[in-house]
Amino acid sequence: MFPSIHATTSGEDSCVSYNYPPSLKVTEGIENLRQHVIPELDSSRFRYVVEVRDKSWFQDLAYNFFADNDMYMVWSQLAELRTPPVVTTDFLYL
């Protein structure tokens, strides 16, 4: 399963956002990122954020994976889901 991908630019910061559907659980999602996204990252040009929509992601396995790969987990608030305010990088993306 591949995420939808969006790129934004604001001043000097350029961001690539990977948005995963609610059906994607943490184990499958991390494997997808590990195989298809991490090898292609260009941290000299972009910051990377990941938006997840399933509560299985809200655990140390995901937080550590994002921190180890300098990826930010988007803080979002939906009617049925609220992302815990865990910081995985040195920047925020809300």
N, C-alpha and C. Protein backbone atom coordinates (compact mmCIF):
# COMPACT_ATOMS: atom_id res chain seq x y z
N MET A 1 0.84 -1.17 0.00
CA MET A 1 0.00 0.00 0.00
C MET A 1 0.89 1.24 0.00
N PHE A 2 0.68 2.09 -0.95
CA PHE A 2 1.46 3.31 -1.05
C PHE A 2 0.65 4.49 -0.53
N PRO A 3 1.31 5.43 0.11
CA PRO A 3 0.61 6.60 0.65
C PRO A 3 0.34 7.63 -0.44
N SER A 4 -0.57 8.56 -0.12
CA SER A 4 -0.65 9.73 -0.98
C SER A 4 0.50 10.63 -0.55
N ILE A 5 1.09 11.33 -1.50
CA ILE A 5 2.27 12.13 -1.21
C ILE A 5 2.01 13.57 -1.63
N HIS A 6 2.37 14.50 -0.75
CA HIS A 6 2.19 15.93 -1.01
C HIS A 6 3.49 16.64 -0.69
N ALA A 7 3.81 17.66 -1.46
CA ALA A 7 5.00 18.45 -1.19
C ALA A 7 4.59 19.90 -0.97
N THR A 8 5.18 20.55 0.03
CA THR A 8 4.91 21.96 0.30
C THR A 8 6.23 22.69 0.49
N THR A 9 6.22 23.97 0.17
CA THR A 9 7.40 24.80 0.35
C THR A 9 6.99 26.06 1.09
N SER A 10 7.76 26.42 2.10
CA SER A 10 7.50 27.63 2.86
C SER A 10 8.83 28.25 3.20
N GLY A 11 9.18 29.32 2.52
CA GLY A 11 10.48 29.96 2.77
C GLY A 11 11.60 29.00 2.42
N GLU A 12 12.44 28.71 3.39
CA GLU A 12 13.58 27.82 3.17
C GLU A 12 13.23 26.35 3.40
N ASP A 13 12.08 26.08 4.02
CA ASP A 13 11.72 24.71 4.37
C ASP A 13 10.82 24.08 3.30
N SER A 14 11.22 22.93 2.82
CA SER A 14 10.40 22.16 1.90
C SER A 14 10.07 20.85 2.59
N CYS A 15 8.81 20.46 2.47
CA CYS A 15 8.33 19.30 3.20
C CYS A 15 7.64 18.33 2.25
N VAL A 16 7.89 17.05 2.46
CA VAL A 16 7.17 16.01 1.74
C VAL A 16 6.36 15.25 2.77
N SER A 17 5.06 15.16 2.52
CA SER A 17 4.15 14.52 3.45
C SER A 17 3.63 13.21 2.88
N TYR A 18 3.74 12.15 3.66
CA TYR A 18 3.19 10.85 3.30
C TYR A 18 1.94 10.64 4.14
N ASN A 19 0.80 10.49 3.49
CA ASN A 19 -0.47 10.36 4.19
C ASN A 19 -1.03 8.96 3.99
N TYR A 20 -1.13 8.23 5.09
CA TYR A 20 -1.59 6.85 5.03
C TYR A 20 -3.06 6.73 5.39
N PRO A 21 -3.78 5.79 4.79
CA PRO A 21 -5.20 5.60 5.06
C PRO A 21 -5.44 4.94 6.41
N PRO A 22 -6.65 5.05 6.95
CA PRO A 22 -6.97 4.44 8.25
C PRO A 22 -6.81 2.92 8.27
N SER A 23 -6.85 2.30 7.13
CA SER A 23 -6.75 0.84 7.08
C SER A 23 -5.32 0.33 7.29
N LEU A 24 -4.32 1.22 7.22
CA LEU A 24 -2.93 0.78 7.32
C LEU A 24 -2.48 0.73 8.78
N LYS A 25 -2.09 -0.44 9.21
CA LYS A 25 -1.61 -0.66 10.58
C LYS A 25 -0.10 -0.43 10.64
N VAL A 26 0.41 -0.26 11.84
CA VAL A 26 1.80 0.13 12.05
C VAL A 26 2.81 -0.84 11.44
N THR A 27 2.65 -2.13 11.61
CA THR A 27 3.65 -3.08 11.11
C THR A 27 3.77 -3.02 9.60
N GLU A 28 2.66 -3.04 8.91
CA GLU A 28 2.67 -2.95 7.45
C GLU A 28 3.19 -1.59 6.99
N GLY A 29 2.80 -0.55 7.68
CA GLY A 29 3.22 0.79 7.30
C GLY A 29 4.71 1.01 7.45
N ILE A 30 5.28 0.55 8.55
CA ILE A 30 6.72 0.70 8.75
C ILE A 30 7.48 -0.11 7.71
N GLU A 31 7.00 -1.29 7.40
CA GLU A 31 7.66 -2.09 6.37
C GLU A 31 7.60 -1.38 5.02
N ASN A 32 6.46 -0.78 4.71
CA ASN A 32 6.32 -0.02 3.47
C ASN A 32 7.32 1.14 3.43
N LEU A 33 7.40 1.88 4.52
CA LEU A 33 8.35 2.99 4.59
C LEU A 33 9.78 2.49 4.45
N ARG A 34 10.10 1.42 5.14
CA ARG A 34 11.46 0.86 5.12
C ARG A 34 11.87 0.43 3.71
N GLN A 35 10.96 -0.19 2.98
CA GLN A 35 11.27 -0.70 1.65
C GLN A 35 11.21 0.35 0.55
N HIS A 36 10.22 1.24 0.61
CA HIS A 36 9.95 2.11 -0.53
C HIS A 36 10.26 3.59 -0.33
N VAL A 37 10.31 4.04 0.90
CA VAL A 37 10.48 5.47 1.15
C VAL A 37 11.88 5.79 1.66
N ILE A 38 12.32 5.13 2.71
CA ILE A 38 13.61 5.44 3.33
C ILE A 38 14.76 5.43 2.32
N PRO A 39 14.84 4.44 1.41
CA PRO A 39 15.96 4.45 0.46
C PRO A 39 15.97 5.66 -0.48
N GLU A 40 14.83 6.34 -0.63
CA GLU A 40 14.72 7.46 -1.56
C GLU A 40 14.81 8.83 -0.90
N LEU A 41 14.93 8.89 0.41
CA LEU A 41 14.93 10.18 1.10
C LEU A 41 16.12 11.04 0.72
N ASP A 42 15.86 12.33 0.58
CA ASP A 42 16.92 13.31 0.31
C ASP A 42 16.81 14.40 1.38
N SER A 43 17.36 14.13 2.54
CA SER A 43 17.23 15.06 3.66
C SER A 43 17.98 16.37 3.47
N SER A 44 18.81 16.45 2.44
CA SER A 44 19.49 17.72 2.16
C SER A 44 18.54 18.70 1.49
N ARG A 45 17.44 18.20 0.92
CA ARG A 45 16.48 19.08 0.21
C ARG A 45 15.12 19.17 0.89
N PHE A 46 14.73 18.13 1.63
CA PHE A 46 13.38 18.07 2.16
C PHE A 46 13.34 17.61 3.62
N ARG A 47 12.28 18.02 4.30
CA ARG A 47 11.90 17.45 5.59
C ARG A 47 10.76 16.48 5.27
N TYR A 48 10.63 15.43 6.06
CA TYR A 48 9.62 14.40 5.78
C TYR A 48 8.66 14.25 6.95
N VAL A 49 7.38 14.21 6.61
CA VAL A 49 6.35 14.03 7.63
C VAL A 49 5.45 12.86 7.21
N VAL A 50 4.91 12.19 8.20
CA VAL A 50 4.03 11.06 7.96
C VAL A 50 2.74 11.29 8.74
N GLU A 51 1.62 11.20 8.05
CA GLU A 51 0.32 11.29 8.72
C GLU A 51 -0.31 9.91 8.72
N VAL A 52 -0.61 9.43 9.92
CA VAL A 52 -1.23 8.12 10.07
C VAL A 52 -2.63 8.32 10.63
N ARG A 53 -3.50 7.35 10.36
CA ARG A 53 -4.90 7.49 10.78
C ARG A 53 -5.42 6.23 11.47
N ASP A 54 -4.49 5.49 12.09
CA ASP A 54 -4.89 4.31 12.85
C ASP A 54 -4.14 4.32 14.18
N LYS A 55 -4.83 4.04 15.27
CA LYS A 55 -4.21 4.15 16.59
C LYS A 55 -3.11 3.12 16.84
N SER A 56 -2.98 2.11 15.98
CA SER A 56 -1.90 1.14 16.16
C SER A 56 -0.52 1.80 16.03
N TRP A 57 -0.47 2.96 15.38
CA TRP A 57 0.79 3.69 15.19
C TRP A 57 1.26 4.38 16.47
N PHE A 58 0.38 4.56 17.43
CA PHE A 58 0.71 5.35 18.61
C PHE A 58 1.40 4.48 19.66
N GLN A 59 2.66 4.15 19.37
CA GLN A 59 3.47 3.31 20.24
C GLN A 59 4.94 3.58 19.95
N ASP A 60 5.79 3.14 20.86
CA ASP A 60 7.23 3.39 20.74
C ASP A 60 7.83 2.84 19.45
N LEU A 61 7.33 1.73 18.94
CA LEU A 61 7.84 1.17 17.69
C LEU A 61 7.81 2.23 16.58
N ALA A 62 6.69 2.90 16.42
CA ALA A 62 6.56 3.93 15.38
C ALA A 62 7.34 5.19 15.74
N TYR A 63 7.22 5.65 16.99
CA TYR A 63 7.93 6.87 17.40
C TYR A 63 9.44 6.72 17.19
N ASN A 64 9.99 5.59 17.57
CA ASN A 64 11.42 5.36 17.41
C ASN A 64 11.81 5.26 15.94
N PHE A 65 10.97 4.60 15.13
CA PHE A 65 11.25 4.50 13.70
C PHE A 65 11.30 5.89 13.07
N PHE A 66 10.31 6.72 13.38
CA PHE A 66 10.29 8.08 12.83
C PHE A 66 11.51 8.88 13.31
N ALA A 67 11.82 8.81 14.59
CA ALA A 67 12.97 9.55 15.12
C ALA A 67 14.27 9.08 14.49
N ASP A 68 14.44 7.78 14.35
CA ASP A 68 15.66 7.23 13.77
C ASP A 68 15.85 7.65 12.32
N ASN A 69 14.75 7.96 11.63
CA ASN A 69 14.81 8.32 10.21
C ASN A 69 14.49 9.79 9.96
N ASP A 70 14.51 10.60 11.04
CA ASP A 70 14.27 12.04 10.97
C ASP A 70 12.97 12.36 10.24
N MET A 71 11.92 11.63 10.58
CA MET A 71 10.59 11.84 10.01
C MET A 71 9.67 12.29 11.13
N TYR A 72 8.80 13.24 10.81
CA TYR A 72 7.88 13.77 11.81
C TYR A 72 6.51 13.10 11.68
N MET A 73 5.94 12.69 12.80
CA MET A 73 4.58 12.18 12.80
C MET A 73 3.64 13.36 12.98
N VAL A 74 2.78 13.57 12.00
CA VAL A 74 1.87 14.72 12.01
C VAL A 74 0.91 14.62 13.19
N TRP A 75 0.73 15.75 13.87
CA TRP A 75 -0.29 15.82 14.92
C TRP A 75 -1.60 16.20 14.24
N SER A 76 -2.57 15.34 14.30
CA SER A 76 -3.86 15.66 13.70
C SER A 76 -4.97 15.32 14.67
N GLN A 77 -6.08 16.00 14.50
CA GLN A 77 -7.25 15.74 15.31
C GLN A 77 -8.43 15.51 14.40
N LEU A 78 -8.92 14.30 14.43
CA LEU A 78 -10.11 13.93 13.69
C LEU A 78 -11.18 13.58 14.72
N ALA A 79 -12.41 13.50 14.30
CA ALA A 79 -13.49 13.17 15.23
C ALA A 79 -13.23 11.86 15.95
N GLU A 80 -12.69 10.90 15.24
CA GLU A 80 -12.49 9.56 15.80
C GLU A 80 -11.04 9.26 16.21
N LEU A 81 -10.13 10.20 16.02
CA LEU A 81 -8.72 9.91 16.29
C LEU A 81 -7.97 11.19 16.65
N ARG A 82 -7.19 11.12 17.70
CA ARG A 82 -6.32 12.25 18.09
C ARG A 82 -4.90 11.71 18.24
N THR A 83 -4.00 12.30 17.51
CA THR A 83 -2.61 11.88 17.56
C THR A 83 -1.98 12.36 18.86
N PRO A 84 -1.31 11.48 19.59
CA PRO A 84 -0.60 11.93 20.79
C PRO A 84 0.49 12.94 20.41
N PRO A 85 0.73 13.94 21.24
CA PRO A 85 1.73 14.97 20.93
C PRO A 85 3.16 14.49 21.20
N VAL A 86 3.61 13.54 20.40
CA VAL A 86 4.95 13.00 20.53
C VAL A 86 5.84 13.65 19.46
N VAL A 87 6.98 14.17 19.87
CA VAL A 87 7.90 14.84 18.95
C VAL A 87 8.96 13.83 18.50
N THR A 88 9.10 13.68 17.19
CA THR A 88 10.08 12.72 16.66
C THR A 88 11.20 13.39 15.87
N THR A 89 11.13 14.71 15.70
CA THR A 89 12.18 15.45 15.00
C THR A 89 12.38 16.81 15.66
N ASP A 90 13.23 17.63 15.07
CA ASP A 90 13.48 18.94 15.62
C ASP A 90 12.58 20.02 15.01
N PHE A 91 11.48 19.63 14.36
CA PHE A 91 10.53 20.59 13.81
C PHE A 91 9.12 20.06 14.01
N LEU A 92 8.15 20.96 13.92
CA LEU A 92 6.75 20.57 14.07
C LEU A 92 6.00 20.80 12.76
N TYR A 93 5.07 19.92 12.51
CA TYR A 93 4.19 20.03 11.33
C TYR A 93 2.80 19.69 11.83
N LEU A 94 1.93 20.69 11.85
CA LEU A 94 0.58 20.49 12.39
C LEU A 94 -0.46 20.54 11.31
